[in-house]
Amino acid sequence: MIRYFYRRILLAVPVMLGISLLAFVLGLLSPGDPAEFALNQDGMDAPTEAQIAAMREELGLNRPIYVQYLSWLAQVLHGNLGSSYINGKDILQELLLRLPVTVELAVMALVVAEEVKK
């Protein structure tokens, strides 16, 4: 029985890596430039090319994609999910702030699904 759990945990590692890679690639494929988005929050003043280049440097977006992914993965494995481009807040704190409502919603959905099944 213990061997089964160890095997399942070991099989979860490549699945989690695959999911993280997929999430990273989807972020890359999303429209817009994160550096330009971070600079143009008010939507009024368009940032200059020099400002965009400096922000891309600051965010590490000028590095090769595989370096960006490995750097991101290393930080995530250390518990650092980064900060929001929008408001600069810590993403882990934002997730933890919203976790209770998410859990409540999931529990209520399970209760409703169970009632419908009866």
Protein backbone atom coordinates (compact mmCIF):
# COMPACT_ATOMS: atom_id res chain seq x y z
CA MET A 1 0.00 0.00 0.00
CA ILE A 2 2.83 2.40 0.89
CA ARG A 3 4.56 1.49 -2.35
CA TYR A 4 1.42 2.45 -4.28
CA PHE A 5 1.36 5.91 -2.67
CA TYR A 6 5.04 6.49 -3.40
CA ARG A 7 4.52 5.50 -7.01
CA ARG A 8 1.52 7.81 -7.37
CA ILE A 9 3.45 10.69 -5.84
CA LEU A 10 6.38 10.06 -8.19
CA LEU A 11 4.03 10.00 -11.17
CA ALA A 12 2.51 13.30 -10.05
CA VAL A 13 5.86 15.09 -10.44
CA PRO A 14 6.00 14.96 -14.27
CA VAL A 15 2.31 15.81 -14.45
CA MET A 16 2.85 18.92 -12.31
CA LEU A 17 5.88 19.91 -14.41
CA GLY A 18 3.80 19.48 -17.56
CA ILE A 19 0.99 21.60 -16.14
CA SER A 20 3.45 24.31 -15.09
CA LEU A 21 5.03 24.31 -18.55
CA LEU A 22 1.61 24.52 -20.19
CA ALA A 23 0.61 27.42 -17.93
CA PHE A 24 3.88 29.21 -18.70
CA VAL A 25 3.46 28.75 -22.45
CA LEU A 26 -0.14 29.95 -22.32
CA GLY A 27 1.09 33.05 -20.51
CA LEU A 28 3.59 33.64 -23.30
CA LEU A 29 0.93 33.19 -25.96
CA SER A 30 -1.49 35.62 -24.34
CA PRO A 31 -1.86 38.88 -26.24
CA GLY A 32 0.01 41.99 -25.19
CA ASP A 33 3.35 42.76 -23.65
CA PRO A 34 3.51 42.44 -19.84
CA ALA A 35 6.10 45.23 -19.66
CA GLU A 36 3.90 47.62 -21.63
CA PHE A 37 0.87 46.57 -19.59
CA ALA A 38 2.69 47.19 -16.31
CA LEU A 39 3.71 50.68 -17.48
CA ASN A 40 0.36 51.67 -18.96
CA GLN A 41 -2.02 51.10 -16.04
CA ASP A 42 -3.94 54.33 -16.43
CA GLY A 43 -4.39 53.87 -20.18
CA MET A 44 -3.65 57.54 -20.76
CA ASP A 45 0.09 57.88 -21.36
CA ALA A 46 1.74 55.47 -23.76
CA PRO A 47 5.17 54.42 -22.48
CA THR A 48 8.22 55.12 -24.59
CA GLU A 49 10.30 52.37 -26.18
CA ALA A 50 13.09 53.08 -23.67
CA GLN A 51 10.68 52.67 -20.75
CA ILE A 52 9.35 49.41 -22.20
CA ALA A 53 12.89 48.10 -22.73
CA ALA A 54 13.85 49.01 -19.16
CA MET A 55 10.75 47.28 -17.78
CA ARG A 56 11.41 44.18 -19.89
CA GLU A 57 14.92 44.12 -18.43
CA GLU A 58 13.57 44.55 -14.88
CA LEU A 59 11.01 41.77 -15.33
CA GLY A 60 13.51 39.47 -17.08
CA LEU A 61 11.43 39.29 -20.23
CA ASN A 62 14.46 39.91 -22.44
CA ARG A 63 16.04 36.57 -21.46
CA PRO A 64 15.54 33.39 -23.54
CA ILE A 65 12.22 31.65 -22.90
CA TYR A 66 13.78 28.51 -21.40
CA VAL A 67 15.78 30.66 -18.95
CA GLN A 68 12.61 32.54 -17.99
CA TYR A 69 10.79 29.23 -17.37
CA LEU A 70 13.58 27.68 -15.31
CA SER A 71 13.95 30.86 -13.26
CA TRP A 72 10.18 31.00 -12.72
CA LEU A 73 10.06 27.29 -11.78
CA ALA A 74 12.93 27.66 -9.30
CA GLN A 75 11.18 30.59 -7.62
CA VAL A 76 7.85 28.74 -7.48
CA LEU A 77 9.55 25.71 -5.90
CA HIS A 78 10.92 28.05 -3.24
CA GLY A 79 7.41 29.39 -2.56
CA ASN A 80 7.82 32.70 -4.40
CA LEU A 81 5.00 33.10 -6.89
CA GLY A 82 6.10 36.62 -7.80
CA SER A 83 4.17 39.84 -7.77
CA SER A 84 1.26 41.10 -9.84
CA TYR A 85 1.94 43.22 -12.93
CA ILE A 86 -1.24 45.14 -12.13
CA ASN A 87 -0.87 46.21 -8.50
CA GLY A 88 2.55 44.87 -7.45
CA LYS A 89 1.09 42.76 -4.63
CA ASP A 90 2.49 39.34 -3.73
CA ILE A 91 0.61 36.67 -5.70
CA LEU A 92 0.75 34.09 -2.90
CA GLN A 93 -0.90 36.55 -0.53
CA GLU A 94 -3.57 37.34 -3.12
CA LEU A 95 -4.27 33.62 -3.60
CA LEU A 96 -4.47 33.00 0.14
CA LEU A 97 -6.83 35.94 0.49
CA ARG A 98 -9.22 34.41 -2.03
CA LEU A 99 -8.84 30.77 -0.92
CA PRO A 100 -11.65 30.70 1.70
CA VAL A 101 -14.27 31.89 -0.77
CA THR A 102 -13.02 29.42 -3.40
CA VAL A 103 -13.22 26.52 -0.94
CA GLU A 104 -16.70 27.59 0.16
CA LEU A 105 -17.84 27.74 -3.46
CA ALA A 106 -16.37 24.28 -4.18
CA VAL A 107 -18.04 22.75 -1.11
CA MET A 108 -21.38 24.27 -2.02
CA ALA A 109 -21.04 22.94 -5.59
CA LEU A 110 -20.35 19.45 -4.22
CA VAL A 111 -23.39 19.68 -1.92
CA VAL A 112 -25.63 20.77 -4.80
CA ALA A 113 -24.23 18.05 -7.08
CA GLU A 114 -24.82 15.44 -4.39
CA GLU A 115 -28.42 16.63 -3.92
CA VAL A 116 -29.05 16.52 -7.65
CA LYS A 117 -27.63 12.99 -7.82
CA LYS A 118 -30.14 11.75 -5.21
